[in-house]
PDB file of all heavy atoms in Angstrom:
ATOM      1  N   HIS A   1      97.057  95.826  77.764  1.00  0.00           N
ATOM      2  CA  HIS A   1      97.084  95.418  76.335  1.00  0.00           C
ATOM      3  C   HIS A   1      95.850  95.673  75.603  1.00  0.00           C
ATOM      4  O   HIS A   1      95.896  96.014  74.493  1.00  0.00           O
ATOM      5  CB  HIS A   1      97.615  94.013  76.202  1.00  0.00           C
ATOM      6  CG  HIS A   1      98.755  93.647  77.004  1.00  0.00           C
ATOM      7  ND1 HIS A   1     100.072  94.000  76.619  1.00  0.00           N
ATOM      8  CD2 HIS A   1      98.976  92.946  78.116  1.00  0.00           C
ATOM      9  CE1 HIS A   1     100.953  93.604  77.448  1.00  0.00           C
ATOM     10  NE2 HIS A   1     100.361  92.962  78.417  1.00  0.00           N
ATOM     11  N   GLN A   2      94.727  95.564  76.352  1.00  0.00           N
ATOM     12  CA  GLN A   2      93.428  95.894  75.675  1.00  0.00           C
ATOM     13  C   GLN A   2      93.183  97.306  75.474  1.00  0.00           C
ATOM     14  O   GLN A   2      92.592  97.654  74.426  1.00  0.00           O
ATOM     15  CB  GLN A   2      92.341  95.280  76.616  1.00  0.00           C
ATOM     16  CG  GLN A   2      92.248  93.724  76.693  1.00  0.00           C
ATOM     17  CD  GLN A   2      91.024  93.265  77.503  1.00  0.00           C
ATOM     18  OE1 GLN A   2      91.228  93.067  78.742  1.00  0.00           O
ATOM     19  NE2 GLN A   2      89.873  93.268  76.994  1.00  0.00           N
ATOM     20  N   TYR A   3      93.563  98.118  76.452  1.00  0.00           N
ATOM     21  CA  TYR A   3      93.213  99.588  76.383  1.00  0.00           C
ATOM     22  C   TYR A   3      94.524 100.408  76.613  1.00  0.00           C
ATOM     23  O   TYR A   3      94.729 101.077  77.639  1.00  0.00           O
ATOM     24  CB  TYR A   3      92.300  99.896  77.414  1.00  0.00           C
ATOM     25  CG  TYR A   3      91.019  98.958  77.495  1.00  0.00           C
ATOM     26  CD1 TYR A   3      90.801  98.198  78.611  1.00  0.00           C
ATOM     27  CD2 TYR A   3      90.219  98.776  76.402  1.00  0.00           C
ATOM     28  CE1 TYR A   3      89.761  97.238  78.631  1.00  0.00           C
ATOM     29  CE2 TYR A   3      89.156  97.868  76.430  1.00  0.00           C
ATOM     30  CZ  TYR A   3      89.001  97.134  77.477  1.00  0.00           C
ATOM     31  OH  TYR A   3      87.952  96.263  77.545  1.00  0.00           O
ATOM     32  N   PRO A   4      95.468 100.311  75.646  1.00  0.00           N
ATOM     33  CA  PRO A   4      96.779 100.994  75.878  1.00  0.00           C
ATOM     34  C   PRO A   4      96.677 102.530  75.951  1.00  0.00           C
ATOM     35  O   PRO A   4      97.500 103.149  76.665  1.00  0.00           O
ATOM     36  CB  PRO A   4      97.534 100.598  74.603  1.00  0.00           C
ATOM     37  CG  PRO A   4      96.551 100.253  73.624  1.00  0.00           C
ATOM     38  CD  PRO A   4      95.413  99.700  74.334  1.00  0.00           C
ATOM     39  N   ARG A   5      95.654 103.163  75.330  1.00  0.00           N
ATOM     40  CA  ARG A   5      95.586 104.574  75.426  1.00  0.00           C
ATOM     41  C   ARG A   5      95.257 104.972  76.802  1.00  0.00           C
ATOM     42  O   ARG A   5      95.687 106.023  77.295  1.00  0.00           O
ATOM     43  CB  ARG A   5      94.537 105.051  74.452  1.00  0.00           C
ATOM     44  CG  ARG A   5      94.957 104.884  73.015  1.00  0.00           C
ATOM     45  CD  ARG A   5      93.842 105.509  72.119  1.00  0.00           C
ATOM     46  NE  ARG A   5      94.163 105.325  70.636  1.00  0.00           N
ATOM     47  CZ  ARG A   5      93.438 105.802  69.703  1.00  0.00           C
ATOM     48  NH1 ARG A   5      92.288 106.413  69.957  1.00  0.00           N
ATOM     49  NH2 ARG A   5      93.857 105.636  68.395  1.00  0.00           N
ATOM     50  N   ILE A   6      94.319 104.238  77.460  1.00  0.00           N
ATOM     51  CA  ILE A   6      93.974 104.579  78.877  1.00  0.00           C
ATOM     52  C   ILE A   6      95.118 104.446  79.798  1.00  0.00           C
ATOM     53  O   ILE A   6      95.393 105.413  80.597  1.00  0.00           O
ATOM     54  CB  ILE A   6      92.841 103.655  79.399  1.00  0.00           C
ATOM     55  CG1 ILE A   6      91.602 103.850  78.415  1.00  0.00           C
ATOM     56  CG2 ILE A   6      92.502 103.954  80.761  1.00  0.00           C
ATOM     57  CD1 ILE A   6      90.408 102.974  78.789  1.00  0.00           C
ATOM     58  N   PHE A   7      95.944 103.415  79.577  1.00  0.00           N
ATOM     59  CA  PHE A   7      97.008 103.234  80.562  1.00  0.00           C
ATOM     60  C   PHE A   7      98.182 103.993  80.183  1.00  0.00           C
ATOM     61  O   PHE A   7      99.085 104.392  80.991  1.00  0.00           O
ATOM     62  CB  PHE A   7      97.444 101.718  80.605  1.00  0.00           C
ATOM     63  CG  PHE A   7      96.560 100.899  81.397  1.00  0.00           C
ATOM     64  CD1 PHE A   7      95.384 100.383  80.856  1.00  0.00           C
ATOM     65  CD2 PHE A   7      96.854 100.591  82.702  1.00  0.00           C
ATOM     66  CE1 PHE A   7      94.472  99.635  81.618  1.00  0.00           C
ATOM     67  CE2 PHE A   7      96.092  99.872  83.458  1.00  0.00           C
ATOM     68  CZ  PHE A   7      94.745  99.340  82.937  1.00  0.00           C
ATOM     69  N   LYS A   8      98.277 104.544  78.977  1.00  0.00           N
ATOM     70  CA  LYS A   8      99.327 105.445  78.570  1.00  0.00           C
ATOM     71  C   LYS A   8      99.155 106.744  79.259  1.00  0.00           C
ATOM     72  O   LYS A   8     100.163 107.431  79.562  1.00  0.00           O
ATOM     73  CB  LYS A   8      99.414 105.645  77.067  1.00  0.00           C
ATOM     74  CG  LYS A   8     100.593 106.434  76.526  1.00  0.00           C
ATOM     75  CD  LYS A   8     100.561 106.422  75.013  1.00  0.00           C
ATOM     76  CE  LYS A   8     101.786 107.246  74.508  1.00  0.00           C
ATOM     77  NZ  LYS A   8     101.836 107.334  73.035  1.00  0.00           N
ATOM     78  N   ALA A   9      97.902 107.120  79.355  1.00  0.00           N
ATOM     79  CA  ALA A   9      97.636 108.477  79.968  1.00  0.00           C
ATOM     80  C   ALA A   9      97.932 108.454  81.495  1.00  0.00           C
ATOM     81  O   ALA A   9      98.120 109.574  82.089  1.00  0.00           O
ATOM     82  CB  ALA A   9      96.227 108.848  79.733  1.00  0.00           C
ATOM     83  N   ALA A  10      97.881 107.290  82.085  1.00  0.00           N
ATOM     84  CA  ALA A  10      98.219 107.200  83.539  1.00  0.00           C
ATOM     85  C   ALA A  10      99.679 107.124  83.753  1.00  0.00           C
ATOM     86  O   ALA A  10     100.419 106.500  82.986  1.00  0.00           O
ATOM     87  CB  ALA A  10      97.554 105.981  84.110  1.00  0.00           C
ATOM     88  N   ARG A  11     100.121 107.851  84.836  1.00  0.00           N
ATOM     89  CA  ARG A  11     101.573 107.904  85.070  1.00  0.00           C
ATOM     90  C   ARG A  11     102.062 106.597  85.605  1.00  0.00           C
ATOM     91  O   ARG A  11     103.254 106.239  85.257  1.00  0.00           O
ATOM     92  CB  ARG A  11     101.924 109.060  85.978  1.00  0.00           C
ATOM     93  CG  ARG A  11     101.641 110.438  85.401  1.00  0.00           C
ATOM     94  CD  ARG A  11     102.082 111.530  86.391  1.00  0.00           C
ATOM     95  NE  ARG A  11     101.834 112.869  85.750  1.00  0.00           N
ATOM     96  CZ  ARG A  11     102.167 113.972  86.478  1.00  0.00           C
ATOM     97  NH1 ARG A  11     102.671 113.953  87.600  1.00  0.00           N
ATOM     98  NH2 ARG A  11     101.980 115.102  85.741  1.00  0.00           N
ATOM     99  N   GLU A  12     101.447 105.956  86.458  1.00  0.00           N
ATOM    100  CA  GLU A  12     101.761 104.677  86.946  1.00  0.00           C
ATOM    101  C   GLU A  12     100.537 103.772  87.315  1.00  0.00           C
ATOM    102  O   GLU A  12      99.511 104.347  87.606  1.00  0.00           O
ATOM    103  CB  GLU A  12     102.695 104.872  88.177  1.00  0.00           C
ATOM    104  CG  GLU A  12     102.033 105.652  89.287  1.00  0.00           C
ATOM    105  CD  GLU A  12     102.963 105.722  90.489  1.00  0.00           C
ATOM    106  OE1 GLU A  12     104.068 105.180  90.426  1.00  0.00           O
ATOM    107  OE2 GLU A  12     102.691 106.572  91.340  1.00  0.00           O
ATOM    108  N   ASN A  13     100.719 102.544  87.293  1.00  0.00           N
ATOM    109  CA  ASN A  13      99.639 101.668  87.521  1.00  0.00           C
ATOM    110  C   ASN A  13      99.124 101.769  89.011  1.00  0.00           C
ATOM    111  O   ASN A  13      99.932 101.988  89.894  1.00  0.00           O
ATOM    112  CB  ASN A  13     100.165 100.151  87.338  1.00  0.00           C
ATOM    113  CG  ASN A  13      99.010  99.241  87.204  1.00  0.00           C
ATOM    114  OD1 ASN A  13      98.066  99.247  88.026  1.00  0.00           O
ATOM    115  ND2 ASN A  13      99.004  98.438  86.203  1.00  0.00           N
ATOM    116  N   GLU A  14      97.859 101.613  89.270  1.00  0.00           N
ATOM    117  CA  GLU A  14      97.302 101.681  90.559  1.00  0.00           C
ATOM    118  C   GLU A  14      97.916 100.588  91.522  1.00  0.00           C
ATOM    119  O   GLU A  14      98.084 100.867  92.747  1.00  0.00           O
ATOM    120  CB  GLU A  14      95.761 101.551  90.575  1.00  0.00           C
ATOM    121  CG  GLU A  14      95.053 102.711  89.926  1.00  0.00           C
ATOM    122  CD  GLU A  14      95.295 104.028  90.660  1.00  0.00           C
ATOM    123  OE1 GLU A  14      95.394 103.971  91.963  1.00  0.00           O
ATOM    124  OE2 GLU A  14      95.360 105.163  90.113  1.00  0.00           O
ATOM    125  N   VAL A  15      98.143  99.511  90.935  1.00  0.00           N
ATOM    126  CA  VAL A  15      98.809  98.467  91.745  1.00  0.00           C
ATOM    127  C   VAL A  15     100.168  98.844  92.281  1.00  0.00           C
ATOM    128  O   VAL A  15     100.507  98.685  93.375  1.00  0.00           O
ATOM    129  CB  VAL A  15      98.886  97.137  90.880  1.00  0.00           C
ATOM    130  CG1 VAL A  15      99.639  96.062  91.756  1.00  0.00           C
ATOM    131  CG2 VAL A  15      97.511  96.622  90.471  1.00  0.00           C
ATOM    132  N   GLU A  16     100.851  99.519  91.347  1.00  0.00           N
ATOM    133  CA  GLU A  16     102.261 100.021  91.786  1.00  0.00           C
ATOM    134  C   GLU A  16     102.053 101.021  92.910  1.00  0.00           C
ATOM    135  O   GLU A  16     102.862 100.978  93.766  1.00  0.00           O
ATOM    136  CB  GLU A  16     102.972 100.652  90.558  1.00  0.00           C
ATOM    137  CG  GLU A  16     103.253  99.671  89.467  1.00  0.00           C
ATOM    138  CD  GLU A  16     104.351  98.669  89.830  1.00  0.00           C
ATOM    139  OE1 GLU A  16     105.026  98.911  90.761  1.00  0.00           O
ATOM    140  OE2 GLU A  16     104.436  97.561  89.196  1.00  0.00           O
ATOM    141  N   LYS A  17     101.119 101.883  92.782  1.00  0.00           N
ATOM    142  CA  LYS A  17     100.906 102.862  93.837  1.00  0.00           C
ATOM    143  C   LYS A  17     100.599 102.220  95.205  1.00  0.00           C
ATOM    144  O   LYS A  17     101.168 102.669  96.216  1.00  0.00           O
ATOM    145  CB  LYS A  17      99.737 103.838  93.416  1.00  0.00           C
ATOM    146  CG  LYS A  17     100.060 104.702  92.310  1.00  0.00           C
ATOM    147  CD  LYS A  17      98.741 105.594  92.074  1.00  0.00           C
ATOM    148  CE  LYS A  17      98.995 106.555  90.856  1.00  0.00           C
ATOM    149  NZ  LYS A  17      97.774 107.413  90.646  1.00  0.00           N
ATOM    150  N   LEU A  18      99.746 101.254  95.121  1.00  0.00           N
ATOM    151  CA  LEU A  18      99.404 100.522  96.426  1.00  0.00           C
ATOM    152  C   LEU A  18     100.638  99.822  96.978  1.00  0.00           C
ATOM    153  O   LEU A  18     100.848  99.850  98.238  1.00  0.00           O
ATOM    154  CB  LEU A  18      98.308  99.559  96.188  1.00  0.00           C
ATOM    155  CG  LEU A  18      96.957 100.185  95.790  1.00  0.00           C
ATOM    156  CD1 LEU A  18      95.961  99.015  95.488  1.00  0.00           C
ATOM    157  CD2 LEU A  18      96.304 100.990  96.981  1.00  0.00           C
ATOM    158  N   ILE A  19     101.474  99.244  96.143  1.00  0.00           N
ATOM    159  CA  ILE A  19     102.665  98.585  96.609  1.00  0.00           C
ATOM    160  C   ILE A  19     103.654  99.556  97.242  1.00  0.00           C
ATOM    161  O   ILE A  19     104.214  99.262  98.332  1.00  0.00           O
ATOM    162  CB  ILE A  19     103.276  97.728  95.523  1.00  0.00           C
ATOM    163  CG1 ILE A  19     102.392  96.593  95.112  1.00  0.00           C
ATOM    164  CG2 ILE A  19     104.655  97.231  95.882  1.00  0.00           C
ATOM    165  CD1 ILE A  19     102.838  95.682  93.896  1.00  0.00           C
ATOM    166  N   LYS A  20     103.851 100.671  96.557  1.00  0.00           N
ATOM    167  CA  LYS A  20     104.729 101.621  97.043  1.00  0.00           C
ATOM    168  C   LYS A  20     104.306 102.175  98.462  1.00  0.00           C
ATOM    169  O   LYS A  20     105.050 102.429  99.372  1.00  0.00           O
ATOM    170  CB  LYS A  20     104.961 102.778  96.051  1.00  0.00           C
ATOM    171  CG  LYS A  20     105.719 102.407  94.907  1.00  0.00           C
ATOM    172  CD  LYS A  20     105.945 103.503  93.900  1.00  0.00           C
ATOM    173  CE  LYS A  20     106.712 103.118  92.698  1.00  0.00           C
ATOM    174  NZ  LYS A  20     106.826 104.261  91.676  1.00  0.00           N
ATOM    175  N   LYS A  21     102.926 102.462  98.502  1.00  0.00           N
ATOM    176  CA  LYS A  21     102.376 102.971  99.639  1.00  0.00           C
ATOM    177  C   LYS A  21     102.455 102.040 100.889  1.00  0.00           C
ATOM    178  O   LYS A  21     102.902 102.375 101.977  1.00  0.00           O
ATOM    179  CB  LYS A  21     100.923 103.287  99.491  1.00  0.00           C
ATOM    180  CG  LYS A  21     100.216 103.978 100.662  1.00  0.00           C
ATOM    181  CD  LYS A  21      98.726 104.280 100.404  1.00  0.00           C
ATOM    182  CE  LYS A  21      98.066 104.882 101.546  1.00  0.00           C
ATOM    183  NZ  LYS A  21      96.644 105.161 101.328  1.00  0.00           N
ATOM    184  N   ALA A  22     102.180 100.783 100.641  1.00  0.00           N
ATOM    185  CA  ALA A  22     102.388  99.734 101.668  1.00  0.00           C
ATOM    186  C   ALA A  22     103.846  99.615 102.050  1.00  0.00           C
ATOM    187  O   ALA A  22     104.156  99.486 103.265  1.00  0.00           O
ATOM    188  CB  ALA A  22     101.818  98.398 101.188  1.00  0.00           C
ATOM    189  N   ALA A  23     104.715  99.629 101.100  1.00  0.00           N
ATOM    190  CA  ALA A  23     106.167  99.473 101.401  1.00  0.00           C
ATOM    191  C   ALA A  23     106.655 100.674 102.303  1.00  0.00           C
ATOM    192  O   ALA A  23     107.504 100.557 103.204  1.00  0.00           O
ATOM    193  CB  ALA A  23     106.998  99.474 100.181  1.00  0.00           C
ATOM    194  N   THR A  24     106.162 101.853 101.981  1.00  0.00           N
ATOM    195  CA  THR A  24     106.518 103.073 102.738  1.00  0.00           C
ATOM    196  C   THR A  24     106.074 102.949 104.195  1.00  0.00           C
ATOM    197  O   THR A  24     106.751 103.206 105.173  1.00  0.00           O
ATOM    198  CB  THR A  24     105.988 104.310 102.084  1.00  0.00           C
ATOM    199  OG1 THR A  24     106.419 104.406 100.734  1.00  0.00           O
ATOM    200  CG2 THR A  24     106.415 105.571 102.836  1.00  0.00           C
ATOM    201  N   GLN A  25     104.813 102.592 104.378  1.00  0.00           N
ATOM    202  CA  GLN A  25     104.211 102.452 105.719  1.00  0.00           C
ATOM    203  C   GLN A  25     104.950 101.359 106.516  1.00  0.00           C
ATOM    204  O   GLN A  25     105.234 101.553 107.653  1.00  0.00           O
ATOM    205  CB  GLN A  25     102.761 102.022 105.564  1.00  0.00           C
ATOM    206  CG  GLN A  25     101.907 103.169 105.017  1.00  0.00           C
ATOM    207  CD  GLN A  25     100.520 102.691 104.823  1.00  0.00           C
ATOM    208  OE1 GLN A  25     100.097 101.530 104.872  1.00  0.00           O
ATOM    209  NE2 GLN A  25      99.558 103.723 104.657  1.00  0.00           N
ATOM    210  N   ARG A  26     105.282 100.334 105.890  1.00  0.00           N
ATOM    211  CA  ARG A  26     106.018  99.212 106.606  1.00  0.00           C
ATOM    212  C   ARG A  26     107.411  99.620 106.918  1.00  0.00           C
ATOM    213  O   ARG A  26     107.887  99.254 108.115  1.00  0.00           O
ATOM    214  CB  ARG A  26     106.082  97.898 105.757  1.00  0.00           C
ATOM    215  CG  ARG A  26     106.728  96.746 106.439  1.00  0.00           C
ATOM    216  CD  ARG A  26     106.367  95.466 105.873  1.00  0.00           C
ATOM    217  NE  ARG A  26     104.954  95.188 105.852  1.00  0.00           N
ATOM    218  CZ  ARG A  26     104.470  93.965 105.773  1.00  0.00           C
ATOM    219  NH1 ARG A  26     105.222  92.956 105.607  1.00  0.00           N
ATOM    220  NH2 ARG A  26     103.142  93.804 105.777  1.00  0.00           N
ATOM    221  N   GLN A  27     108.102 100.405 106.124  1.00  0.00           N
ATOM    222  CA  GLN A  27     109.466 100.774 106.329  1.00  0.00           C
ATOM    223  C   GLN A  27     109.404 101.762 107.524  1.00  0.00           C
ATOM    224  O   GLN A  27     110.255 101.764 108.407  1.00  0.00           O
ATOM    225  CB  GLN A  27     110.032 101.555 105.133  1.00  0.00           C
ATOM    226  CG  GLN A  27     111.502 101.898 105.217  1.00  0.00           C
ATOM    227  CD  GLN A  27     112.343 100.734 105.432  1.00  0.00           C
ATOM    228  OE1 GLN A  27     112.220  99.665 104.819  1.00  0.00           O
ATOM    229  NE2 GLN A  27     113.365 100.845 106.317  1.00  0.00           N
ATOM    230  N   VAL A  28     108.404 102.635 107.636  1.00  0.00           N
ATOM    231  CA  VAL A  28     108.324 103.571 108.774  1.00  0.00           C
ATOM    232  C   VAL A  28     108.177 102.765 110.052  1.00  0.00           C
ATOM    233  O   VAL A  28     108.781 103.078 111.058  1.00  0.00           O
ATOM    234  CB  VAL A  28     107.152 104.586 108.479  1.00  0.00           C
ATOM    235  CG1 VAL A  28     106.897 105.389 109.780  1.00  0.00           C
ATOM    236  CG2 VAL A  28     107.443 105.406 107.360  1.00  0.00           C
ATOM    237  N   LYS A  29     107.285 101.794 109.994  1.00  0.00           N
ATOM    238  CA  LYS A  29     106.968 100.996 111.260  1.00  0.00           C
ATOM    239  C   LYS A  29     108.345 100.213 111.661  1.00  0.00           C
ATOM    240  O   LYS A  29     108.698 100.079 112.736  1.00  0.00           O
ATOM    241  CB  LYS A  29     105.908  99.982 111.025  1.00  0.00           C
ATOM    242  CG  LYS A  29     104.562 100.571 110.844  1.00  0.00           C
ATOM    243  CD  LYS A  29     103.450  99.574 110.695  1.00  0.00           C
ATOM    244  CE  LYS A  29     102.072 100.215 110.468  1.00  0.00           C
ATOM    245  NZ  LYS A  29     101.098  99.201 110.305  1.00  0.00           N
ATOM    246  N   HIS A  30     109.082  99.797 110.645  1.00  0.00           N
ATOM    247  CA  HIS A  30     110.257  99.027 110.900  1.00  0.00           C
ATOM    248  C   HIS A  30     111.395  99.927 111.508  1.00  0.00           C
ATOM    249  O   HIS A  30     112.057  99.639 112.514  1.00  0.00           O
ATOM    250  CB  HIS A  30     110.910  98.460 109.588  1.00  0.00           C
ATOM    251  CG  HIS A  30     112.253  98.061 109.694  1.00  0.00           C
ATOM    252  ND1 HIS A  30     112.703  97.056 110.591  1.00  0.00           N
ATOM    253  CD2 HIS A  30     113.346  98.474 109.035  1.00  0.00           C
ATOM    254  CE1 HIS A  30     113.998  96.889 110.429  1.00  0.00           C
ATOM    255  NE2 HIS A  30     114.421  97.787 109.423  1.00  0.00           N
ATOM    256  N   ASN A  31     111.445 101.177 111.006  1.00  0.00           N
ATOM    257  CA  ASN A  31     112.471 102.181 111.542  1.00  0.00           C
ATOM    258  C   ASN A  31     112.098 102.486 113.001  1.00  0.00           C
ATOM    259  O   ASN A  31     113.004 102.581 113.929  1.00  0.00           O
ATOM    260  CB  ASN A  31     112.485 103.395 110.706  1.00  0.00           C
ATOM    261  CG  ASN A  31     113.066 103.163 109.339  1.00  0.00           C
ATOM    262  OD1 ASN A  31     113.705 102.227 109.098  1.00  0.00           O
ATOM    263  ND2 ASN A  31     112.613 104.002 108.368  1.00  0.00           N
ATOM    264  N   LYS A  32     110.844 102.559 113.318  1.00  0.00           N
ATOM    265  CA  LYS A  32     110.507 102.915 114.722  1.00  0.00           C
ATOM    266  C   LYS A  32     110.745 101.728 115.583  1.00  0.00           C
ATOM    267  O   LYS A  32     111.293 101.886 116.755  1.00  0.00           O
ATOM    268  CB  LYS A  32     108.911 103.237 114.775  1.00  0.00           C
ATOM    269  CG  LYS A  32     108.551 104.532 114.174  1.00  0.00           C
ATOM    270  CD  LYS A  32     107.186 104.811 114.241  1.00  0.00           C
ATOM    271  CE  LYS A  32     106.654 106.168 113.708  1.00  0.00           C
ATOM    272  NZ  LYS A  32     105.219 106.459 113.835  1.00  0.00           N
ATOM    273  N   ARG A  33     110.472 100.469 115.093  1.00  0.00           N
ATOM    274  CA  ARG A  33     110.725  99.252 115.930  1.00  0.00           C
ATOM    275  C   ARG A  33     112.183  99.172 116.066  1.00  0.00           C
ATOM    276  O   ARG A  33     112.671  98.777 117.150  1.00  0.00           O
ATOM    277  CB  ARG A  33     110.167  98.074 115.137  1.00  0.00           C
ATOM    278  CG  ARG A  33     109.604  97.077 116.052  1.00  0.00           C
ATOM    279  CD  ARG A  33     108.789  95.939 115.377  1.00  0.00           C
ATOM    280  NE  ARG A  33     109.132  95.711 114.059  1.00  0.00           N
ATOM    281  CZ  ARG A  33     108.269  95.717 112.989  1.00  0.00           C
ATOM    282  NH1 ARG A  33     107.055  96.221 113.233  1.00  0.00           N
ATOM    283  NH2 ARG A  33     108.604  95.424 111.864  1.00  0.00           N
ATOM    284  N   GLY A  34     113.034  99.484 115.012  1.00  0.00           N
ATOM    285  CA  GLY A  34     114.453  99.240 115.188  1.00  0.00           C
ATOM    286  C   GLY A  34     115.071 100.312 116.211  1.00  0.00           C
ATOM    287  O   GLY A  34     115.973  99.883 116.987  1.00  0.00           O
ATOM    288  N   LYS A  35     114.530 101.491 116.279  1.00  0.00           N
ATOM    289  CA  LYS A  35     115.057 102.485 117.161  1.00  0.00           C
ATOM    290  C   LYS A  35     114.659 102.112 118.612  1.00  0.00           C
ATOM    291  O   LYS A  35     115.590 102.058 119.551  1.00  0.00           O
ATOM    292  CB  LYS A  35     114.398 103.814 116.923  1.00  0.00           C
ATOM    293  CG  LYS A  35     114.951 104.495 115.680  1.00  0.00           C
ATOM    294  CD  LYS A  35     114.274 105.824 115.396  1.00  0.00           C
ATOM    295  CE  LYS A  35     114.812 106.471 114.153  1.00  0.00           C
ATOM    296  NZ  LYS A  35     114.089 107.719 113.944  1.00  0.00           N
ATOM    297  N   ASN A  36     113.491 101.587 118.777  1.00  0.00           N
ATOM    298  CA  ASN A  36     113.144 101.102 120.143  1.00  0.00           C
ATOM    299  C   ASN A  36     114.003  99.960 120.558  1.00  0.00           C
ATOM    300  O   ASN A  36     114.286  99.787 121.726  1.00  0.00           O
ATOM    301  CB  ASN A  36     111.625 100.648 120.110  1.00  0.00           C
ATOM    302  CG  ASN A  36     110.747 101.916 119.837  1.00  0.00           C
ATOM    303  OD1 ASN A  36     111.147 103.077 120.182  1.00  0.00           O
ATOM    304  ND2 ASN A  36     109.487 101.554 119.399  1.00  0.00           N
ATOM    305  N   ARG A  37     114.154  98.953 119.611  1.00  0.00           N
ATOM    306  CA  ARG A  37     114.911  97.806 120.018  1.00  0.00           C
ATOM    307  C   ARG A  37     116.348  98.189 120.297  1.00  0.00           C
ATOM    308  O   ARG A  37     117.020  97.582 121.219  1.00  0.00           O
ATOM    309  CB  ARG A  37     114.912  96.741 118.918  1.00  0.00           C
ATOM    310  CG  ARG A  37     115.642  95.408 119.294  1.00  0.00           C
ATOM    311  CD  ARG A  37     115.379  94.469 118.104  1.00  0.00           C
ATOM    312  NE  ARG A  37     113.988  93.982 117.941  1.00  0.00           N
ATOM    313  CZ  ARG A  37     113.507  92.971 118.684  1.00  0.00           C
ATOM    314  NH1 ARG A  37     114.320  92.393 119.572  1.00  0.00           N
ATOM    315  NH2 ARG A  37     112.291  92.695 118.510  1.00  0.00           N
ATOM    316  N   THR A  38     116.952  99.039 119.600  1.00  0.00           N
ATOM    317  CA  THR A  38     118.350  99.449 119.799  1.00  0.00           C
ATOM    318  C   THR A  38     118.469 100.118 121.185  1.00  0.00           C
ATOM    319  O   THR A  38     119.471  99.898 121.891  1.00  0.00           O
ATOM    320  CB  THR A  38     118.803 100.539 118.701  1.00  0.00           C
ATOM    321  OG1 THR A  38     118.649  99.890 117.396  1.00  0.00           O
ATOM    322  CG2 THR A  38     120.278 100.804 118.912  1.00  0.00           C
ATOM    323  N   SER A  39     117.613 100.950 121.551  1.00  0.00           N
ATOM    324  CA  SER A  39     117.671 101.597 122.804  1.00  0.00           C
ATOM    325  C   SER A  39     117.435 100.734 124.048  1.00  0.00           C
ATOM    326  O   SER A  39     117.984 100.968 125.084  1.00  0.00           O
ATOM    327  CB  SER A  39     116.667 102.852 122.841  1.00  0.00           C
ATOM    328  OG  SER A  39     115.272 102.265 122.706  1.00  0.00           O
ATOM    329  N   SER A  40     116.780  99.545 123.780  1.00  0.00           N
ATOM    330  CA  SER A  40     116.451  98.657 124.920  1.00  0.00           C
ATOM    331  C   SER A  40     117.480  97.593 125.103  1.00  0.00           C
ATOM    332  O   SER A  40     117.500  96.955 126.108  1.00  0.00           O
ATOM    333  CB  SER A  40     115.049  98.083 124.726  1.00  0.00           C
ATOM    334  OG  SER A  40     114.974  97.312 123.542  1.00  0.00           O
ATOM    335  N   THR A  41     118.336  97.309 124.092  1.00  0.00           N
ATOM    336  CA  THR A  41     119.317  96.302 124.145  1.00  0.00           C
ATOM    337  C   THR A  41     120.585  96.858 124.644  1.00  0.00           C
ATOM    338  O   THR A  41     121.059  97.970 124.293  1.00  0.00           O
ATOM    339  CB  THR A  41     119.577  95.649 122.790  1.00  0.00           C
ATOM    340  OG1 THR A  41     119.961  96.627 121.894  1.00  0.00           O
ATOM    341  CG2 THR A  41     118.294  94.912 122.275  1.00  0.00           C
ATOM    342  N   SER A  42     121.263  96.051 125.606  1.00  0.00           N
ATOM    343  CA  SER A  42     122.516  96.620 126.185  1.00  0.00           C
ATOM    344  C   SER A  42     123.764  96.234 125.326  1.00  0.00           C
ATOM    345  O   SER A  42     124.676  97.071 125.212  1.00  0.00           O
ATOM    346  CB  SER A  42     122.614  96.067 127.632  1.00  0.00           C
ATOM    347  OG  SER A  42     122.523  94.623 127.582  1.00  0.00           O
ATOM    348  N   GLY A  43     123.746  95.038 124.931  1.00  0.00           N
ATOM    349  CA  GLY A  43     125.010  94.567 124.272  1.00  0.00           C
ATOM    350  C   GLY A  43     125.082  94.871 122.733  1.00  0.00           C
ATOM    351  O   GLY A  43     126.080  94.938 122.122  1.00  0.00           O
ATOM    352  N   GLY A  44     123.884  95.097 122.175  1.00  0.00           N
ATOM    353  CA  GLY A  44     123.773  95.397 120.705  1.00  0.00           C
ATOM    354  C   GLY A  44     124.040  94.177 119.809  1.00  0.00           C
ATOM    355  O   GLY A  44     124.229  94.336 118.696  1.00  0.00           O
ATOM    356  N   GLY A  45     124.063  92.918 120.509  1.00  0.00           N
ATOM    357  CA  GLY A  45     124.319  91.698 119.665  1.00  0.00           C
ATOM    358  C   GLY A  45     123.084  91.283 118.955  1.00  0.00           C
ATOM    359  O   GLY A  45     123.239  90.501 117.971  1.00  0.00           O
ATOM    360  N   MET A  46     121.887  91.669 119.372  1.00  0.00           N
ATOM    361  CA  MET A  46     120.693  91.150 118.682  1.00  0.00           C
ATOM    362  C   MET A  46     120.308  92.092 117.541  1.00  0.00           C
ATOM    363  O   MET A  46     120.389  93.397 117.640  1.00  0.00           O
ATOM    364  CB  MET A  46     119.550  91.204 119.688  1.00  0.00           C
ATOM    365  CG  MET A  46     119.730  90.219 120.859  1.00  0.00           C
ATOM    366  SD  MET A  46     118.325  90.206 121.997  1.00  0.00           S
ATOM    367  CE  MET A  46     116.995  89.694 120.853  1.00  0.00           C
TER     368      MET A  46
END
């Protein structure tokens, strides 16, 4: 609100970039963990 011209020139907020980056990294780790857990469980109930 103080410097709208500066932020208008930026495509997205740095905070948003960090959040998206962290979410992507966590999703990749979750996918790897899910594959490992699926392959190690026999009944698939967990």
